[in-house]
Amino acid sequence: MQYALMIYAEPGYLEALPEAERETTYAEYFALADEASYVGATQLQPAETATCVRVSGGRTLMTDGPFADTKEVLGGFCLVEADNLDEAIEMAARIPAARLGGTVEVRPVMRF
């Protein structure tokens, strides 16, 4: 089964780290890409670049910025193959943002 590991963190959390720790953290992210269970991942542009779209009464309404005004924002996601939720949680716990003050939301992916 595929799981989305959605990474929420404070903007700039990596840039705030000392250079050596930042390089180690990036290496951890890149090492995850070498896992057999890794399907794909991407980092998102900053939340300020987001556009939210709603349709109401047949009209398309757009607003700038992220959907929710929170301290943590969706910064990226990984798509992984895992046998079960426990395995997906184990993978999520290895994402550096999870130990650096962020949150990784684990959600099964629907198959169509």
N, C-alpha and C. Protein backbone atom coordinates (compact mmCIF):
# COMPACT_ATOMS: atom_id res chain seq x y z
N MET A 1 0.84 -1.17 0.00
CA MET A 1 0.00 0.00 0.00
C MET A 1 0.89 1.24 0.00
N GLN A 2 0.44 2.27 -0.68
CA GLN A 2 1.18 3.53 -0.69
C GLN A 2 0.66 4.45 0.41
N TYR A 3 1.61 5.19 1.00
CA TYR A 3 1.30 6.18 2.02
C TYR A 3 1.95 7.50 1.65
N ALA A 4 1.24 8.58 1.90
CA ALA A 4 1.80 9.92 1.75
C ALA A 4 2.32 10.34 3.12
N LEU A 5 3.56 10.76 3.17
CA LEU A 5 4.16 11.28 4.40
C LEU A 5 4.28 12.78 4.19
N MET A 6 3.34 13.53 4.75
CA MET A 6 3.27 14.98 4.52
C MET A 6 4.02 15.70 5.63
N ILE A 7 4.96 16.52 5.23
CA ILE A 7 5.90 17.14 6.16
C ILE A 7 5.48 18.58 6.46
N TYR A 8 5.14 18.82 7.73
CA TYR A 8 4.77 20.15 8.20
C TYR A 8 5.88 20.66 9.11
N ALA A 9 6.33 21.87 8.86
CA ALA A 9 7.40 22.45 9.68
C ALA A 9 7.33 23.96 9.61
N GLU A 10 8.04 24.60 10.53
CA GLU A 10 8.14 26.05 10.48
C GLU A 10 8.97 26.44 9.27
N PRO A 11 8.53 27.43 8.52
CA PRO A 11 9.34 27.88 7.38
C PRO A 11 10.74 28.27 7.85
N GLY A 12 11.75 27.86 7.09
CA GLY A 12 13.13 28.22 7.39
C GLY A 12 13.79 27.39 8.46
N TYR A 13 13.15 26.29 8.90
CA TYR A 13 13.74 25.51 9.99
C TYR A 13 15.11 24.94 9.61
N LEU A 14 15.29 24.55 8.37
CA LEU A 14 16.60 24.02 7.96
C LEU A 14 17.66 25.12 7.90
N GLU A 15 17.28 26.27 7.40
CA GLU A 15 18.22 27.37 7.28
C GLU A 15 18.69 27.86 8.65
N ALA A 16 17.89 27.63 9.69
CA ALA A 16 18.24 28.07 11.05
C ALA A 16 19.28 27.16 11.71
N LEU A 17 19.50 25.98 11.13
CA LEU A 17 20.47 25.04 11.71
C LEU A 17 21.90 25.49 11.41
N PRO A 18 22.86 25.14 12.29
CA PRO A 18 24.26 25.37 11.96
C PRO A 18 24.60 24.62 10.66
N GLU A 19 25.54 25.13 9.91
CA GLU A 19 25.83 24.58 8.57
C GLU A 19 26.10 23.08 8.58
N ALA A 20 26.91 22.59 9.51
CA ALA A 20 27.23 21.16 9.54
C ALA A 20 25.98 20.32 9.80
N GLU A 21 25.13 20.77 10.72
CA GLU A 21 23.90 20.03 11.03
C GLU A 21 22.92 20.09 9.85
N ARG A 22 22.89 21.23 9.16
CA ARG A 22 22.02 21.37 8.00
C ARG A 22 22.46 20.40 6.90
N GLU A 23 23.76 20.29 6.66
CA GLU A 23 24.26 19.37 5.63
C GLU A 23 23.95 17.92 6.00
N THR A 24 24.09 17.57 7.28
CA THR A 24 23.76 16.22 7.74
C THR A 24 22.28 15.94 7.55
N THR A 25 21.45 16.92 7.85
CA THR A 25 20.01 16.77 7.71
C THR A 25 19.62 16.57 6.24
N TYR A 26 20.21 17.37 5.34
CA TYR A 26 19.94 17.18 3.92
C TYR A 26 20.37 15.77 3.48
N ALA A 27 21.50 15.30 3.98
CA ALA A 27 21.98 13.96 3.62
C ALA A 27 20.98 12.90 4.07
N GLU A 28 20.33 13.11 5.23
CA GLU A 28 19.32 12.17 5.70
C GLU A 28 18.12 12.15 4.76
N TYR A 29 17.70 13.32 4.30
CA TYR A 29 16.59 13.37 3.34
C TYR A 29 16.97 12.64 2.05
N PHE A 30 18.18 12.88 1.55
CA PHE A 30 18.60 12.23 0.30
C PHE A 30 18.74 10.73 0.48
N ALA A 31 19.15 10.28 1.67
CA ALA A 31 19.28 8.84 1.93
C ALA A 31 17.93 8.14 1.87
N LEU A 32 16.88 8.83 2.28
CA LEU A 32 15.54 8.24 2.19
C LEU A 32 15.18 7.90 0.75
N ALA A 33 15.69 8.68 -0.19
CA ALA A 33 15.39 8.44 -1.61
C ALA A 33 16.03 7.15 -2.12
N ASP A 34 17.01 6.64 -1.39
CA ASP A 34 17.67 5.39 -1.79
C ASP A 34 16.94 4.15 -1.27
N GLU A 35 15.93 4.35 -0.45
CA GLU A 35 15.17 3.24 0.12
C GLU A 35 14.36 2.55 -0.98
N ALA A 36 14.24 1.24 -0.89
CA ALA A 36 13.46 0.48 -1.87
C ALA A 36 11.98 0.87 -1.82
N SER A 37 11.51 1.32 -0.67
CA SER A 37 10.10 1.67 -0.50
C SER A 37 9.77 3.08 -1.00
N TYR A 38 10.78 3.83 -1.33
CA TYR A 38 10.61 5.22 -1.78
C TYR A 38 9.99 5.25 -3.17
N VAL A 39 8.88 5.97 -3.32
CA VAL A 39 8.23 6.11 -4.62
C VAL A 39 8.56 7.47 -5.22
N GLY A 40 8.53 8.52 -4.41
CA GLY A 40 8.85 9.86 -4.88
C GLY A 40 8.66 10.86 -3.77
N ALA A 41 9.18 12.05 -3.99
CA ALA A 41 9.04 13.12 -3.00
C ALA A 41 9.30 14.45 -3.67
N THR A 42 8.87 15.50 -3.01
CA THR A 42 9.18 16.84 -3.50
C THR A 42 9.06 17.84 -2.36
N GLN A 43 9.81 18.90 -2.47
CA GLN A 43 9.71 20.02 -1.54
C GLN A 43 8.86 21.08 -2.23
N LEU A 44 8.00 21.72 -1.47
CA LEU A 44 7.13 22.74 -2.03
C LEU A 44 7.76 24.12 -1.91
N GLN A 45 7.36 25.02 -2.79
CA GLN A 45 7.76 26.42 -2.67
C GLN A 45 7.17 26.97 -1.38
N PRO A 46 7.66 28.11 -0.88
CA PRO A 46 7.13 28.67 0.37
C PRO A 46 5.62 28.89 0.32
N ALA A 47 4.99 28.84 1.49
CA ALA A 47 3.54 28.98 1.60
C ALA A 47 3.03 30.29 1.02
N GLU A 48 3.86 31.32 1.05
CA GLU A 48 3.44 32.61 0.50
C GLU A 48 3.15 32.54 -1.00
N THR A 49 3.65 31.51 -1.68
CA THR A 49 3.42 31.38 -3.12
C THR A 49 2.12 30.64 -3.43
N ALA A 50 1.42 30.17 -2.39
CA ALA A 50 0.21 29.38 -2.58
C ALA A 50 -0.96 30.24 -3.04
N THR A 51 -1.84 29.62 -3.79
CA THR A 51 -3.12 30.21 -4.17
C THR A 51 -4.20 29.20 -3.81
N CYS A 52 -5.18 29.64 -3.05
CA CYS A 52 -6.29 28.76 -2.66
C CYS A 52 -7.48 29.04 -3.58
N VAL A 53 -8.14 27.97 -4.02
CA VAL A 53 -9.26 28.08 -4.95
C VAL A 53 -10.49 27.44 -4.32
N ARG A 54 -11.59 28.16 -4.38
CA ARG A 54 -12.89 27.65 -3.95
C ARG A 54 -13.89 27.99 -5.05
N VAL A 55 -14.91 27.17 -5.18
CA VAL A 55 -15.98 27.46 -6.11
C VAL A 55 -17.25 27.61 -5.29
N SER A 56 -17.88 28.76 -5.41
CA SER A 56 -19.10 29.06 -4.66
C SER A 56 -20.10 29.72 -5.59
N GLY A 57 -21.29 29.16 -5.67
CA GLY A 57 -22.32 29.72 -6.53
C GLY A 57 -21.90 29.78 -7.98
N GLY A 58 -21.08 28.82 -8.40
CA GLY A 58 -20.62 28.78 -9.79
C GLY A 58 -19.46 29.73 -10.08
N ARG A 59 -19.02 30.49 -9.08
CA ARG A 59 -17.90 31.42 -9.27
C ARG A 59 -16.63 30.85 -8.66
N THR A 60 -15.54 31.01 -9.35
CA THR A 60 -14.24 30.59 -8.83
C THR A 60 -13.66 31.73 -8.02
N LEU A 61 -13.38 31.45 -6.75
CA LEU A 61 -12.81 32.44 -5.84
C LEU A 61 -11.38 32.05 -5.50
N MET A 62 -10.47 32.98 -5.59
CA MET A 62 -9.06 32.71 -5.30
C MET A 62 -8.57 33.64 -4.19
N THR A 63 -7.73 33.09 -3.32
CA THR A 63 -7.07 33.90 -2.30
C THR A 63 -5.60 33.53 -2.28
N ASP A 64 -4.77 34.51 -1.96
CA ASP A 64 -3.34 34.26 -1.87
C ASP A 64 -3.01 33.63 -0.53
N GLY A 65 -1.92 32.88 -0.53
CA GLY A 65 -1.42 32.32 0.72
C GLY A 65 -1.98 30.96 1.02
N PRO A 66 -1.46 30.36 2.09
CA PRO A 66 -1.89 29.00 2.44
C PRO A 66 -3.33 28.97 2.92
N PHE A 67 -3.91 27.79 2.90
CA PHE A 67 -5.30 27.59 3.32
C PHE A 67 -5.51 27.98 4.78
N ALA A 68 -4.58 27.57 5.65
CA ALA A 68 -4.70 27.86 7.09
C ALA A 68 -3.54 28.75 7.51
N ASP A 69 -3.82 29.69 8.38
CA ASP A 69 -2.79 30.57 8.91
C ASP A 69 -2.24 29.94 10.17
N THR A 70 -1.17 29.15 10.02
CA THR A 70 -0.57 28.45 11.15
C THR A 70 0.93 28.67 11.15
N LYS A 71 1.55 28.28 12.25
CA LYS A 71 3.00 28.41 12.38
C LYS A 71 3.71 27.40 11.48
N GLU A 72 3.20 26.18 11.43
CA GLU A 72 3.77 25.15 10.58
C GLU A 72 3.01 25.11 9.25
N VAL A 73 3.74 24.87 8.17
CA VAL A 73 3.11 24.78 6.85
C VAL A 73 3.54 23.48 6.18
N LEU A 74 2.73 23.04 5.22
CA LEU A 74 3.08 21.87 4.44
C LEU A 74 4.27 22.25 3.56
N GLY A 75 5.41 21.65 3.84
CA GLY A 75 6.62 22.00 3.11
C GLY A 75 7.00 21.01 2.03
N GLY A 76 6.43 19.81 2.10
CA GLY A 76 6.75 18.80 1.10
C GLY A 76 6.11 17.48 1.50
N PHE A 77 6.36 16.47 0.69
CA PHE A 77 5.80 15.16 1.00
C PHE A 77 6.63 14.07 0.35
N CYS A 78 6.53 12.88 0.92
CA CYS A 78 7.14 11.68 0.34
C CYS A 78 6.01 10.71 0.06
N LEU A 79 6.14 9.96 -0.99
CA LEU A 79 5.22 8.89 -1.30
C LEU A 79 6.02 7.60 -1.15
N VAL A 80 5.54 6.70 -0.28
CA VAL A 80 6.27 5.48 0.01
C VAL A 80 5.37 4.27 -0.12
N GLU A 81 5.98 3.12 -0.34
CA GLU A 81 5.29 1.82 -0.31
C GLU A 81 5.58 1.21 1.04
N ALA A 82 4.56 0.76 1.73
CA ALA A 82 4.74 0.12 3.03
C ALA A 82 3.72 -1.02 3.16
N ASP A 83 4.10 -2.04 3.91
CA ASP A 83 3.21 -3.18 4.10
C ASP A 83 2.02 -2.84 4.98
N ASN A 84 2.22 -1.87 5.90
CA ASN A 84 1.16 -1.52 6.84
C ASN A 84 1.45 -0.14 7.45
N LEU A 85 0.52 0.34 8.25
CA LEU A 85 0.66 1.67 8.86
C LEU A 85 1.88 1.74 9.77
N ASP A 86 2.14 0.68 10.53
CA ASP A 86 3.29 0.69 11.42
C ASP A 86 4.60 0.92 10.67
N GLU A 87 4.73 0.26 9.53
CA GLU A 87 5.93 0.44 8.70
C GLU A 87 6.01 1.87 8.16
N ALA A 88 4.88 2.44 7.76
CA ALA A 88 4.86 3.81 7.26
C ALA A 88 5.22 4.80 8.37
N ILE A 89 4.75 4.54 9.59
CA ILE A 89 5.07 5.40 10.73
C ILE A 89 6.57 5.33 11.03
N GLU A 90 7.13 4.15 10.94
CA GLU A 90 8.58 3.99 11.16
C GLU A 90 9.36 4.84 10.15
N MET A 91 8.91 4.83 8.91
CA MET A 91 9.57 5.64 7.88
C MET A 91 9.39 7.13 8.17
N ALA A 92 8.19 7.53 8.59
CA ALA A 92 7.92 8.93 8.89
C ALA A 92 8.81 9.42 10.03
N ALA A 93 9.06 8.56 11.00
CA ALA A 93 9.89 8.95 12.14
C ALA A 93 11.34 9.22 11.74
N ARG A 94 11.75 8.71 10.59
CA ARG A 94 13.11 8.94 10.11
C ARG A 94 13.26 10.24 9.32
N ILE A 95 12.16 10.91 9.04
CA ILE A 95 12.21 12.19 8.34
C ILE A 95 12.71 13.24 9.33
N PRO A 96 13.80 13.92 9.01
CA PRO A 96 14.41 14.86 9.96
C PRO A 96 13.46 15.90 10.54
N ALA A 97 12.51 16.40 9.77
CA ALA A 97 11.59 17.42 10.29
C ALA A 97 10.84 16.93 11.52
N ALA A 98 10.59 15.62 11.61
CA ALA A 98 9.83 15.07 12.74
C ALA A 98 10.56 15.28 14.06
N ARG A 99 11.89 15.27 14.04
CA ARG A 99 12.64 15.46 15.28
C ARG A 99 13.13 16.89 15.45
N LEU A 100 12.91 17.72 14.43
CA LEU A 100 13.37 19.10 14.48
C LEU A 100 12.20 20.07 14.72
N GLY A 101 11.16 19.60 15.39
CA GLY A 101 10.05 20.46 15.77
C GLY A 101 8.85 20.42 14.84
N GLY A 102 8.95 19.66 13.75
CA GLY A 102 7.84 19.58 12.81
C GLY A 102 6.98 18.35 13.06
N THR A 103 6.08 18.11 12.14
CA THR A 103 5.16 16.98 12.21
C THR A 103 5.12 16.31 10.84
N VAL A 104 5.05 15.00 10.84
CA VAL A 104 4.86 14.26 9.59
C VAL A 104 3.52 13.55 9.69
N GLU A 105 2.59 13.94 8.83
CA GLU A 105 1.27 13.31 8.77
C GLU A 105 1.36 12.11 7.83
N VAL A 106 0.90 10.96 8.30
CA VAL A 106 0.93 9.72 7.50
C VAL A 106 -0.51 9.43 7.08
N ARG A 107 -0.70 9.27 5.76
CA ARG A 107 -2.05 9.01 5.27
C ARG A 107 -2.01 8.02 4.11
N PRO A 108 -2.84 6.96 4.17
CA PRO A 108 -2.90 6.01 3.06
C PRO A 108 -3.39 6.73 1.79
N VAL A 109 -2.88 6.27 0.67
CA VAL A 109 -3.25 6.84 -0.63
C VAL A 109 -4.35 5.98 -1.24
N MET A 110 -5.38 6.60 -1.73
CA MET A 110 -6.48 5.89 -2.39
C MET A 110 -6.03 5.42 -3.77
N ARG A 111 -6.44 4.26 -4.13
CA ARG A 111 -6.20 3.72 -5.48
C ARG A 111 -7.47 3.86 -6.29
N PHE A 112 -7.36 4.39 -7.49
CA PHE A 112 -8.54 4.54 -8.37
C PHE A 112 -8.41 3.63 -9.56
